[in-house]
Every structure is written in C-alpha cells, then in structure tokens.
Amino acid sequence: MLAWGVTAAQSAPFEGGRWIDLTHDFSAETLYWPTAAKFKLEQEFHGQTPKGYFYAANRYSASEHGGTHLDAPVHFSESGKSVDQLTPDQLTGAAVVVNVSARAHTNADYQVSVADLRAWEKDHSHIPNDAIVLLNTGFARHWPDAKQYLGTAETGAEAVAKLHFPGLHPETAKWLTTERKIKAIGLDTASIDFGQSTLFESHRILFAQNIPAFENVAGLDALPVTGAYVVALPMKIKDGSGAPLRVIAWVPGR
C-alpha cells in the first residue's frame, strides 16, 4: 500500500529512471511466420479535406502472430486463456533477463537449458515469484533480415522446415512451471520453441499453466539483469490466440 500523501504516480518504480521500448515497429518489413499473413497498411485518406483541414487515416491487416506480439495460452491449450482474458497484472511486473547470446551466436538451434537458469540464479539469486523472465539470445540484432533472423527468407508451408533460431528447451519450460512461479516469459526470437521444433512442446507446457509468451521482443541488451519493470500490453482482441504487443520496460537510474 502507498503511504499517506503519496500518489501512485509518485511511487516506485516510475521515478529516477527511464523507459526502454522493447518493440519492433510494424511495417512492410515486419517478420512473420512463413505461413502467416504479413502486416499491411493501406491509406484511406491523406490530405486536405473539402473543408480545408488536414486529415489522415489508414487501415491495416495482419496475422495475430508476427512482429513483437503476445502468444495467449489458448494458442496451444484448448482451455487456456485468450488475449482478452489475461489481466494487466499478469502482463506487468519485475523482469529478470537471462543472456544466452554467446551460446546462440555459435548455435542458431540453441535451446535455453535448466543449467542456464541455474547458473543465472547462482550469480543473481533465486528467480523471484511472479517474475517476467526475458531470454536474450542476441537474435534481435538480425531484425528485419529474415534469412539471419528466421534461418530462411522463404515463405509458405515448405519454409517452416528451414527455420533456425533459438528457443526454450521443453525441460526448462517444465522446470519453470513446476520449480518456479513466473507470470510470463519472453524472448527475442520468433517463437518460444526453437525453429526446428515440430511439436511445440514448450508452448504446450507453458500454456497449460496459463503462462503467456512475448515473442520477437526487441532491445533486451538495454535492460539490466534485474531491476527492470515490464509493461507488456497487447491489442485486446476478444477470443484472440495472440495479438500485436507494445512492450516497454522501466529501468531505474539516471
């Protein structure tokens, strides 16, 4: 609770720091799954109206899953929550950043292991309850080069087998759901499962416990290992299995 005379706007964590944008913008260059419809922006009007004032309006279309976006649990769990059923409390909170970029740099198919998380805890203490876990593989540096980021620039069903990018090992997903208590998880690749996955086990394990995932997150290099406060708010699509996501982080310090 806040002390008397202290407003929410004056309270931590929103003083003495700065906001970091962890979102790739949406444009014709935005990367999507090879079988998904890409982002499209069409101009409806741009210019002077007959009454003499300027006016601009566009319409857009896209798949739920592409660019910086949220995977809702219903994406891989029939009884899981949809986008609109996730509360703001579950999508905001203290973040821990696990950096595996050195391993992913030499192995595009790297899967973040339990050993990686235990090593993080050895250096930084137990992953706190209700943390948002962010995995920094270093792949954001490749955006929006599809060949480097996804492993292929091809599209269509046949391209899926050619995907190569890091993800979370299913054993690690299980460990996070049974040995730790997290709100959400995110990473800077196109999927919480690595590119060569065909069973999407990490999705299924996490989503069975209603733990959502943030994918194609940007800017993780700018975050401290601990201490950042994440706000990850998707477009509130009723019954959505996913949605475009604007994710930002408050970093303390000047």
C-alpha atoms as a PDB file:
ATOM      1  CA  MET A   1       0.000   0.000   0.000  1.00  0.00           C
ATOM      2  CA  LEU A   2       1.078   3.594  -0.599  1.00  0.00           C
ATOM      3  CA  ALA A   3       1.890   5.865   2.310  1.00  0.00           C
ATOM      4  CA  TRP A   4      -0.485   8.705   3.093  1.00  0.00           C
ATOM      5  CA  GLY A   5       0.130  11.675   0.800  1.00  0.00           C
ATOM      6  CA  VAL A   6       1.936   9.606  -1.842  1.00  0.00           C
ATOM      7  CA  THR A   7       0.109   9.122  -5.124  1.00  0.00           C
ATOM      8  CA  ALA A   8       0.532   6.158  -7.448  1.00  0.00           C
ATOM      9  CA  ALA A   9       2.186   8.440  -9.999  1.00  0.00           C
ATOM     10  CA  GLN A  10       4.859   9.364  -7.442  1.00  0.00           C
ATOM     11  CA  SER A  11       5.595   5.832  -6.282  1.00  0.00           C
ATOM     12  CA  ALA A  12       8.259   3.358  -7.432  1.00  0.00           C
ATOM     13  CA  PRO A  13       9.174   2.111  -9.948  1.00  0.00           C
ATOM     14  CA  PHE A  14       8.352   5.190 -12.011  1.00  0.00           C
ATOM     15  CA  GLU A  15      10.858   7.688 -10.596  1.00  0.00           C
ATOM     16  CA  GLY A  16      14.559   8.073 -11.166  1.00  0.00           C
ATOM     17  CA  GLY A  17      14.825   6.071 -14.356  1.00  0.00           C
ATOM     18  CA  ARG A  18      13.808   5.830 -17.995  1.00  0.00           C
ATOM     19  CA  TRP A  19      11.542   3.882 -20.301  1.00  0.00           C
ATOM     20  CA  ILE A  20      13.033   1.423 -22.810  1.00  0.00           C
ATOM     21  CA  ASP A  21      10.969   0.415 -25.838  1.00  0.00           C
ATOM     22  CA  LEU A  22      11.224  -3.335 -26.441  1.00  0.00           C
ATOM     23  CA  THR A  23       9.003  -3.321 -29.517  1.00  0.00           C
ATOM     24  CA  HIS A  24       9.826  -3.658 -33.201  1.00  0.00           C
ATOM     25  CA  ASP A  25       7.655  -1.323 -35.250  1.00  0.00           C
ATOM     26  CA  PHE A  26       5.050  -2.767 -37.605  1.00  0.00           C
ATOM     27  CA  SER A  27       5.640  -2.167 -41.303  1.00  0.00           C
ATOM     28  CA  ALA A  28       6.044  -3.971 -44.599  1.00  0.00           C
ATOM     29  CA  GLU A  29       9.428  -5.214 -43.250  1.00  0.00           C
ATOM     30  CA  THR A  30       7.955  -6.844 -40.141  1.00  0.00           C
ATOM     31  CA  LEU A  31       8.813 -10.540 -39.904  1.00  0.00           C
ATOM     32  CA  TYR A  32       6.048 -13.142 -39.678  1.00  0.00           C
ATOM     33  CA  TRP A  33       5.871 -16.920 -39.563  1.00  0.00           C
ATOM     34  CA  PRO A  34       6.336 -18.233 -43.124  1.00  0.00           C
ATOM     35  CA  THR A  35       2.673 -19.284 -43.390  1.00  0.00           C
ATOM     36  CA  ALA A  36       1.183 -16.128 -41.827  1.00  0.00           C
ATOM     37  CA  ALA A  37      -0.300 -13.070 -43.485  1.00  0.00           C
ATOM     38  CA  LYS A  38       2.065 -10.129 -43.166  1.00  0.00           C
ATOM     39  CA  PHE A  39       1.304  -6.657 -41.888  1.00  0.00           C
ATOM     40  CA  LYS A  40      -0.325  -4.405 -44.470  1.00  0.00           C
ATOM     41  CA  LEU A  41      -1.077  -0.706 -44.117  1.00  0.00           C
ATOM     42  CA  GLU A  42      -3.359   0.911 -46.663  1.00  0.00           C
ATOM     43  CA  GLN A  43      -4.104   4.599 -46.946  1.00  0.00           C
ATOM     44  CA  GLU A  44      -7.751   5.574 -46.669  1.00  0.00           C
ATOM     45  CA  PHE A  45      -7.223   9.313 -46.836  1.00  0.00           C
ATOM     46  CA  HIS A  46      -4.270  11.676 -46.612  1.00  0.00           C
ATOM     47  CA  GLY A  47      -4.550  15.341 -47.420  1.00  0.00           C
ATOM     48  CA  GLN A  48      -6.713  18.406 -47.265  1.00  0.00           C
ATOM     49  CA  THR A  49     -10.427  17.885 -46.847  1.00  0.00           C
ATOM     50  CA  PRO A  50     -13.009  19.896 -48.795  1.00  0.00           C
ATOM     51  CA  LYS A  51     -13.462  21.993 -45.631  1.00  0.00           C
ATOM     52  CA  GLY A  52      -9.812  22.990 -45.601  1.00  0.00           C
ATOM     53  CA  TYR A  53      -8.236  20.999 -42.783  1.00  0.00           C
ATOM     54  CA  PHE A  54      -5.675  18.179 -42.987  1.00  0.00           C
ATOM     55  CA  TYR A  55      -6.840  14.623 -42.254  1.00  0.00           C
ATOM     56  CA  ALA A  56      -5.110  11.218 -42.371  1.00  0.00           C
ATOM     57  CA  ALA A  57      -6.477   7.723 -41.806  1.00  0.00           C
ATOM     58  CA  ASN A  58      -5.271   4.215 -42.689  1.00  0.00           C
ATOM     59  CA  ARG A  59      -6.474   0.666 -42.371  1.00  0.00           C
ATOM     60  CA  TYR A  60      -4.252  -2.277 -41.501  1.00  0.00           C
ATOM     61  CA  SER A  61      -4.411  -6.059 -41.587  1.00  0.00           C
ATOM     62  CA  ALA A  62      -2.126  -8.769 -40.224  1.00  0.00           C
ATOM     63  CA  SER A  63      -1.984 -12.181 -38.608  1.00  0.00           C
ATOM     64  CA  GLU A  64      -2.143 -12.250 -34.810  1.00  0.00           C
ATOM     65  CA  HIS A  65       1.301 -13.847 -34.604  1.00  0.00           C
ATOM     66  CA  GLY A  66       4.034 -11.680 -36.077  1.00  0.00           C
ATOM     67  CA  GLY A  67       6.274  -8.802 -35.170  1.00  0.00           C
ATOM     68  CA  THR A  68       6.541  -8.128 -31.455  1.00  0.00           C
ATOM     69  CA  HIS A  69       3.480  -9.985 -30.219  1.00  0.00           C
ATOM     70  CA  LEU A  70       1.807 -11.921 -27.440  1.00  0.00           C
ATOM     71  CA  ASP A  71       1.033 -15.618 -27.557  1.00  0.00           C
ATOM     72  CA  ALA A  72      -2.028 -16.211 -25.390  1.00  0.00           C
ATOM     73  CA  PRO A  73      -2.303 -19.624 -23.707  1.00  0.00           C
ATOM     74  CA  VAL A  74      -5.247 -20.641 -25.906  1.00  0.00           C
ATOM     75  CA  HIS A  75      -2.772 -20.633 -28.824  1.00  0.00           C
ATOM     76  CA  PHE A  76      -1.711 -24.155 -27.764  1.00  0.00           C
ATOM     77  CA  SER A  77      -4.102 -25.004 -24.919  1.00  0.00           C
ATOM     78  CA  GLU A  78      -7.784 -25.531 -25.635  1.00  0.00           C
ATOM     79  CA  SER A  79      -8.724 -24.492 -22.094  1.00  0.00           C
ATOM     80  CA  GLY A  80      -6.144 -21.700 -21.937  1.00  0.00           C
ATOM     81  CA  LYS A  81      -6.887 -18.004 -21.611  1.00  0.00           C
ATOM     82  CA  SER A  82      -7.424 -15.861 -24.679  1.00  0.00           C
ATOM     83  CA  VAL A  83      -5.825 -12.435 -25.083  1.00  0.00           C
ATOM     84  CA  ASP A  84      -8.753 -10.564 -23.526  1.00  0.00           C
ATOM     85  CA  GLN A  85      -8.771 -12.889 -20.510  1.00  0.00           C
ATOM     86  CA  LEU A  86      -5.201 -12.061 -19.477  1.00  0.00           C
ATOM     87  CA  THR A  87      -5.166  -9.456 -16.726  1.00  0.00           C
ATOM     88  CA  PRO A  88      -2.872  -6.417 -16.732  1.00  0.00           C
ATOM     89  CA  ASP A  89      -1.319  -7.766 -13.537  1.00  0.00           C
ATOM     90  CA  GLN A  90      -0.032 -10.836 -15.391  1.00  0.00           C
ATOM     91  CA  LEU A  91       1.421  -8.689 -18.167  1.00  0.00           C
ATOM     92  CA  THR A  92       3.278  -6.228 -15.954  1.00  0.00           C
ATOM     93  CA  GLY A  93       5.937  -6.736 -13.320  1.00  0.00           C
ATOM     94  CA  ALA A  94       9.558  -7.165 -12.370  1.00  0.00           C
ATOM     95  CA  ALA A  95      11.752  -8.740 -15.037  1.00  0.00           C
ATOM     96  CA  VAL A  96      14.824 -10.930 -14.942  1.00  0.00           C
ATOM     97  CA  VAL A  97      16.985 -11.092 -18.069  1.00  0.00           C
ATOM     98  CA  VAL A  98      18.876 -14.289 -18.870  1.00  0.00           C
ATOM     99  CA  ASN A  99      21.555 -13.725 -21.508  1.00  0.00           C
ATOM    100  CA  VAL A 100      22.432 -16.764 -23.621  1.00  0.00           C
ATOM    101  CA  SER A 101      23.652 -14.780 -26.631  1.00  0.00           C
ATOM    102  CA  ALA A 102      27.160 -16.266 -26.528  1.00  0.00           C
ATOM    103  CA  ARG A 103      25.756 -19.772 -26.951  1.00  0.00           C
ATOM    104  CA  ALA A 104      23.148 -18.751 -29.504  1.00  0.00           C
ATOM    105  CA  HIS A 105      25.780 -16.917 -31.531  1.00  0.00           C
ATOM    106  CA  THR A 106      27.502 -20.210 -32.347  1.00  0.00           C
ATOM    107  CA  ASN A 107      24.357 -22.349 -32.472  1.00  0.00           C
ATOM    108  CA  ALA A 108      21.230 -20.977 -34.148  1.00  0.00           C
ATOM    109  CA  ASP A 109      19.301 -24.007 -32.858  1.00  0.00           C
ATOM    110  CA  TYR A 110      20.263 -23.383 -29.238  1.00  0.00           C
ATOM    111  CA  GLN A 111      17.670 -24.210 -26.583  1.00  0.00           C
ATOM    112  CA  VAL A 112      17.865 -22.429 -23.243  1.00  0.00           C
ATOM    113  CA  SER A 113      18.511 -25.079 -20.603  1.00  0.00           C
ATOM    114  CA  VAL A 114      17.761 -25.552 -16.936  1.00  0.00           C
ATOM    115  CA  ALA A 115      21.516 -25.272 -16.421  1.00  0.00           C
ATOM    116  CA  ASP A 116      21.398 -21.782 -17.949  1.00  0.00           C
ATOM    117  CA  LEU A 117      18.767 -20.701 -15.436  1.00  0.00           C
ATOM    118  CA  ARG A 118      20.537 -22.357 -12.503  1.00  0.00           C
ATOM    119  CA  ALA A 119      23.749 -20.581 -13.500  1.00  0.00           C
ATOM    120  CA  TRP A 120      21.833 -17.298 -13.598  1.00  0.00           C
ATOM    121  CA  GLU A 121      20.480 -17.990 -10.117  1.00  0.00           C
ATOM    122  CA  LYS A 122      23.942 -18.834  -8.827  1.00  0.00           C
ATOM    123  CA  ASP A 123      25.074 -15.355  -9.838  1.00  0.00           C
ATOM    124  CA  HIS A 124      21.905 -13.386  -9.117  1.00  0.00           C
ATOM    125  CA  SER A 125      19.804 -15.316  -6.582  1.00  0.00           C
ATOM    126  CA  HIS A 126      16.560 -17.250  -6.944  1.00  0.00           C
ATOM    127  CA  ILE A 127      14.208 -16.166  -9.747  1.00  0.00           C
ATOM    128  CA  PRO A 128      11.598 -14.251  -7.746  1.00  0.00           C
ATOM    129  CA  ASN A 129       7.985 -15.330  -7.593  1.00  0.00           C
ATOM    130  CA  ASP A 130       5.801 -13.602 -10.206  1.00  0.00           C
ATOM    131  CA  ALA A 131       8.795 -12.514 -12.273  1.00  0.00           C
ATOM    132  CA  ILE A 132       8.632 -11.977 -16.014  1.00  0.00           C
ATOM    133  CA  VAL A 133      11.530 -13.970 -17.477  1.00  0.00           C
ATOM    134  CA  LEU A 134      13.149 -12.494 -20.597  1.00  0.00           C
ATOM    135  CA  LEU A 135      15.613 -14.545 -22.650  1.00  0.00           C
ATOM    136  CA  ASN A 136      18.234 -12.580 -24.563  1.00  0.00           C
ATOM    137  CA  THR A 137      19.569 -14.731 -27.397  1.00  0.00           C
ATOM    138  CA  GLY A 138      21.089 -11.793 -29.270  1.00  0.00           C
ATOM    139  CA  PHE A 139      18.955 -12.503 -32.335  1.00  0.00           C
ATOM    140  CA  ALA A 140      17.276  -9.094 -32.253  1.00  0.00           C
ATOM    141  CA  ARG A 141      20.430  -7.760 -33.906  1.00  0.00           C
ATOM    142  CA  HIS A 142      19.369  -9.561 -37.118  1.00  0.00           C
ATOM    143  CA  TRP A 143      15.936  -7.877 -37.384  1.00  0.00           C
ATOM    144  CA  PRO A 144      14.456  -7.481 -40.030  1.00  0.00           C
ATOM    145  CA  ASP A 145      16.763  -9.737 -42.095  1.00  0.00           C
ATOM    146  CA  ALA A 146      14.588 -12.844 -42.463  1.00  0.00           C
ATOM    147  CA  LYS A 147      17.457 -15.078 -43.557  1.00  0.00           C
ATOM    148  CA  GLN A 148      19.537 -14.221 -40.498  1.00  0.00           C
ATOM    149  CA  TYR A 149      16.671 -13.925 -38.011  1.00  0.00           C
ATOM    150  CA  LEU A 150      14.489 -16.861 -39.063  1.00  0.00           C
ATOM    151  CA  GLY A 151      17.004 -19.009 -40.898  1.00  0.00           C
ATOM    152  CA  THR A 152      15.165 -18.586 -44.196  1.00  0.00           C
ATOM    153  CA  ALA A 153      13.646 -15.784 -46.227  1.00  0.00           C
ATOM    154  CA  GLU A 154      11.270 -18.200 -47.936  1.00  0.00           C
ATOM    155  CA  THR A 155       7.546 -18.207 -47.218  1.00  0.00           C
ATOM    156  CA  GLY A 156       4.847 -20.847 -47.353  1.00  0.00           C
ATOM    157  CA  ALA A 157       4.442 -24.232 -45.692  1.00  0.00           C
ATOM    158  CA  GLU A 158       7.662 -25.670 -47.130  1.00  0.00           C
ATOM    159  CA  ALA A 159       9.715 -22.902 -45.499  1.00  0.00           C
ATOM    160  CA  VAL A 160       8.760 -23.969 -41.959  1.00  0.00           C
ATOM    161  CA  ALA A 161      11.206 -26.897 -42.034  1.00  0.00           C
ATOM    162  CA  LYS A 162      14.012 -24.439 -42.837  1.00  0.00           C
ATOM    163  CA  LEU A 163      13.556 -22.281 -39.729  1.00  0.00           C
ATOM    164  CA  HIS A 164      16.598 -21.962 -37.466  1.00  0.00           C
ATOM    165  CA  PHE A 165      16.573 -19.760 -34.347  1.00  0.00           C
ATOM    166  CA  PRO A 166      16.988 -20.328 -30.590  1.00  0.00           C
ATOM    167  CA  GLY A 167      14.208 -21.095 -28.143  1.00  0.00           C
ATOM    168  CA  LEU A 168      13.377 -22.530 -24.740  1.00  0.00           C
ATOM    169  CA  HIS A 169      14.003 -26.230 -24.140  1.00  0.00           C
ATOM    170  CA  PRO A 170      10.828 -28.106 -23.075  1.00  0.00           C
ATOM    171  CA  GLU A 171      12.603 -29.398 -19.954  1.00  0.00           C
ATOM    172  CA  THR A 172      13.274 -25.783 -18.992  1.00  0.00           C
ATOM    173  CA  ALA A 173       9.656 -24.840 -19.613  1.00  0.00           C
ATOM    174  CA  LYS A 174       8.619 -27.678 -17.317  1.00  0.00           C
ATOM    175  CA  TRP A 175      11.127 -26.566 -14.659  1.00  0.00           C
ATOM    176  CA  LEU A 176       9.779 -23.009 -14.767  1.00  0.00           C
ATOM    177  CA  THR A 177       6.220 -24.241 -14.283  1.00  0.00           C
ATOM    178  CA  THR A 178       6.976 -26.731 -11.504  1.00  0.00           C
ATOM    179  CA  GLU A 179      10.023 -25.378  -9.667  1.00  0.00           C
ATOM    180  CA  ARG A 180       9.439 -21.649 -10.076  1.00  0.00           C
ATOM    181  CA  LYS A 181       6.421 -19.329 -10.200  1.00  0.00           C
ATOM    182  CA  ILE A 182       6.574 -16.874 -13.095  1.00  0.00           C
ATOM    183  CA  LYS A 183       3.969 -14.553 -14.616  1.00  0.00           C
ATOM    184  CA  ALA A 184       5.114 -14.614 -18.227  1.00  0.00           C
ATOM    185  CA  ILE A 185       8.112 -15.295 -20.421  1.00  0.00           C
ATOM    186  CA  GLY A 186       9.540 -13.521 -23.453  1.00  0.00           C
ATOM    187  CA  LEU A 187      12.427 -13.686 -25.884  1.00  0.00           C
ATOM    188  CA  ASP A 188      13.936 -12.032 -28.948  1.00  0.00           C
ATOM    189  CA  THR A 189      13.131 -14.747 -31.495  1.00  0.00           C
ATOM    190  CA  ALA A 190      10.051 -15.725 -33.484  1.00  0.00           C
ATOM    191  CA  SER A 191       8.905 -18.497 -31.151  1.00  0.00           C
ATOM    192  CA  ILE A 192       9.332 -19.704 -27.587  1.00  0.00           C
ATOM    193  CA  ASP A 193      10.141 -23.100 -29.176  1.00  0.00           C
ATOM    194  CA  PHE A 194      13.292 -23.199 -31.289  1.00  0.00           C
ATOM    195  CA  GLY A 195      12.966 -23.004 -35.061  1.00  0.00           C
ATOM    196  CA  GLN A 196      13.321 -26.727 -35.727  1.00  0.00           C
ATOM    197  CA  SER A 197      10.572 -27.702 -33.294  1.00  0.00           C
ATOM    198  CA  THR A 198       7.722 -29.713 -34.768  1.00  0.00           C
ATOM    199  CA  LEU A 199       5.784 -30.462 -31.563  1.00  0.00           C
ATOM    200  CA  PHE A 200       5.965 -27.009 -29.908  1.00  0.00           C
ATOM    201  CA  GLU A 201       6.342 -28.618 -26.505  1.00  0.00           C
ATOM    202  CA  SER A 202       7.495 -25.501 -24.655  1.00  0.00           C
ATOM    203  CA  HIS A 203       4.400 -23.651 -25.840  1.00  0.00           C
ATOM    204  CA  ARG A 204       2.197 -26.511 -24.689  1.00  0.00           C
ATOM    205  CA  ILE A 205       3.845 -26.837 -21.269  1.00  0.00           C
ATOM    206  CA  LEU A 206       3.732 -23.125 -20.501  1.00  0.00           C
ATOM    207  CA  PHE A 207       0.270 -22.509 -21.894  1.00  0.00           C
ATOM    208  CA  ALA A 208      -1.254 -25.427 -19.990  1.00  0.00           C
ATOM    209  CA  GLN A 209      -0.384 -23.349 -16.906  1.00  0.00           C
ATOM    210  CA  ASN A 210      -1.726 -20.122 -18.471  1.00  0.00           C
ATOM    211  CA  ILE A 211       1.739 -18.554 -18.748  1.00  0.00           C
ATOM    212  CA  PRO A 212       1.760 -16.301 -21.830  1.00  0.00           C
ATOM    213  CA  ALA A 213       4.764 -15.670 -24.064  1.00  0.00           C
ATOM    214  CA  PHE A 214       6.131 -12.499 -25.653  1.00  0.00           C
ATOM    215  CA  GLU A 215       7.885 -13.158 -28.971  1.00  0.00           C
ATOM    216  CA  ASN A 216      10.103 -11.029 -31.224  1.00  0.00           C
ATOM    217  CA  VAL A 217      10.976  -8.760 -28.306  1.00  0.00           C
ATOM    218  CA  ALA A 218      13.478  -6.009 -29.136  1.00  0.00           C
ATOM    219  CA  GLY A 219      16.126  -4.168 -27.135  1.00  0.00           C
ATOM    220  CA  LEU A 220      16.911  -6.681 -24.408  1.00  0.00           C
ATOM    221  CA  ASP A 221      20.566  -5.626 -24.438  1.00  0.00           C
ATOM    222  CA  ALA A 222      19.435  -2.320 -22.901  1.00  0.00           C
ATOM    223  CA  LEU A 223      17.961  -3.975 -19.808  1.00  0.00           C
ATOM    224  CA  PRO A 224      19.784  -4.787 -16.567  1.00  0.00           C
ATOM    225  CA  VAL A 225      19.876  -8.389 -15.388  1.00  0.00           C
ATOM    226  CA  THR A 226      17.414  -7.453 -12.644  1.00  0.00           C
ATOM    227  CA  GLY A 227      15.599  -4.286 -11.677  1.00  0.00           C
ATOM    228  CA  ALA A 228      13.587  -3.530 -14.820  1.00  0.00           C
ATOM    229  CA  TYR A 229       9.808  -3.270 -14.640  1.00  0.00           C
ATOM    230  CA  VAL A 230       7.998  -4.542 -17.740  1.00  0.00           C
ATOM    231  CA  VAL A 231       4.677  -3.380 -19.149  1.00  0.00           C
ATOM    232  CA  ALA A 232       3.525  -5.638 -22.000  1.00  0.00           C
ATOM    233  CA  LEU A 233       0.064  -4.676 -23.224  1.00  0.00           C
ATOM    234  CA  PRO A 234      -1.386  -6.379 -26.321  1.00  0.00           C
ATOM    235  CA  MET A 235      -4.232  -5.257 -28.504  1.00  0.00           C
ATOM    236  CA  LYS A 236      -7.212  -6.575 -26.534  1.00  0.00           C
ATOM    237  CA  ILE A 237      -8.630  -8.995 -29.112  1.00  0.00           C
ATOM    238  CA  LYS A 238     -11.639 -10.871 -27.768  1.00  0.00           C
ATOM    239  CA  ASP A 239     -11.038 -14.628 -28.088  1.00  0.00           C
ATOM    240  CA  GLY A 240      -7.650 -13.887 -29.649  1.00  0.00           C
ATOM    241  CA  SER A 241      -4.918 -16.504 -29.651  1.00  0.00           C
ATOM    242  CA  GLY A 242      -2.362 -13.725 -29.978  1.00  0.00           C
ATOM    243  CA  ALA A 243      -2.043 -10.019 -30.606  1.00  0.00           C
ATOM    244  CA  PRO A 244       0.382  -7.261 -31.563  1.00  0.00           C
ATOM    245  CA  LEU A 245       2.221  -6.196 -28.427  1.00  0.00           C
ATOM    246  CA  ARG A 246       3.681  -2.899 -27.250  1.00  0.00           C
ATOM    247  CA  VAL A 247       6.171  -3.924 -24.595  1.00  0.00           C
ATOM    248  CA  ILE A 248       8.220  -1.396 -22.657  1.00  0.00           C
ATOM    249  CA  ALA A 249      10.423  -1.555 -19.592  1.00  0.00           C
ATOM    250  CA  TRP A 250      11.175   0.942 -16.856  1.00  0.00           C
ATOM    251  CA  VAL A 251      14.860   0.908 -15.949  1.00  0.00           C
ATOM    252  CA  PRO A 252      15.892   2.618 -12.701  1.00  0.00           C
ATOM    253  CA  GLY A 253      18.796   5.032 -12.547  1.00  0.00           C
ATOM    254  CA  ARG A 254      19.696   8.260 -14.311  1.00  0.00           C
END
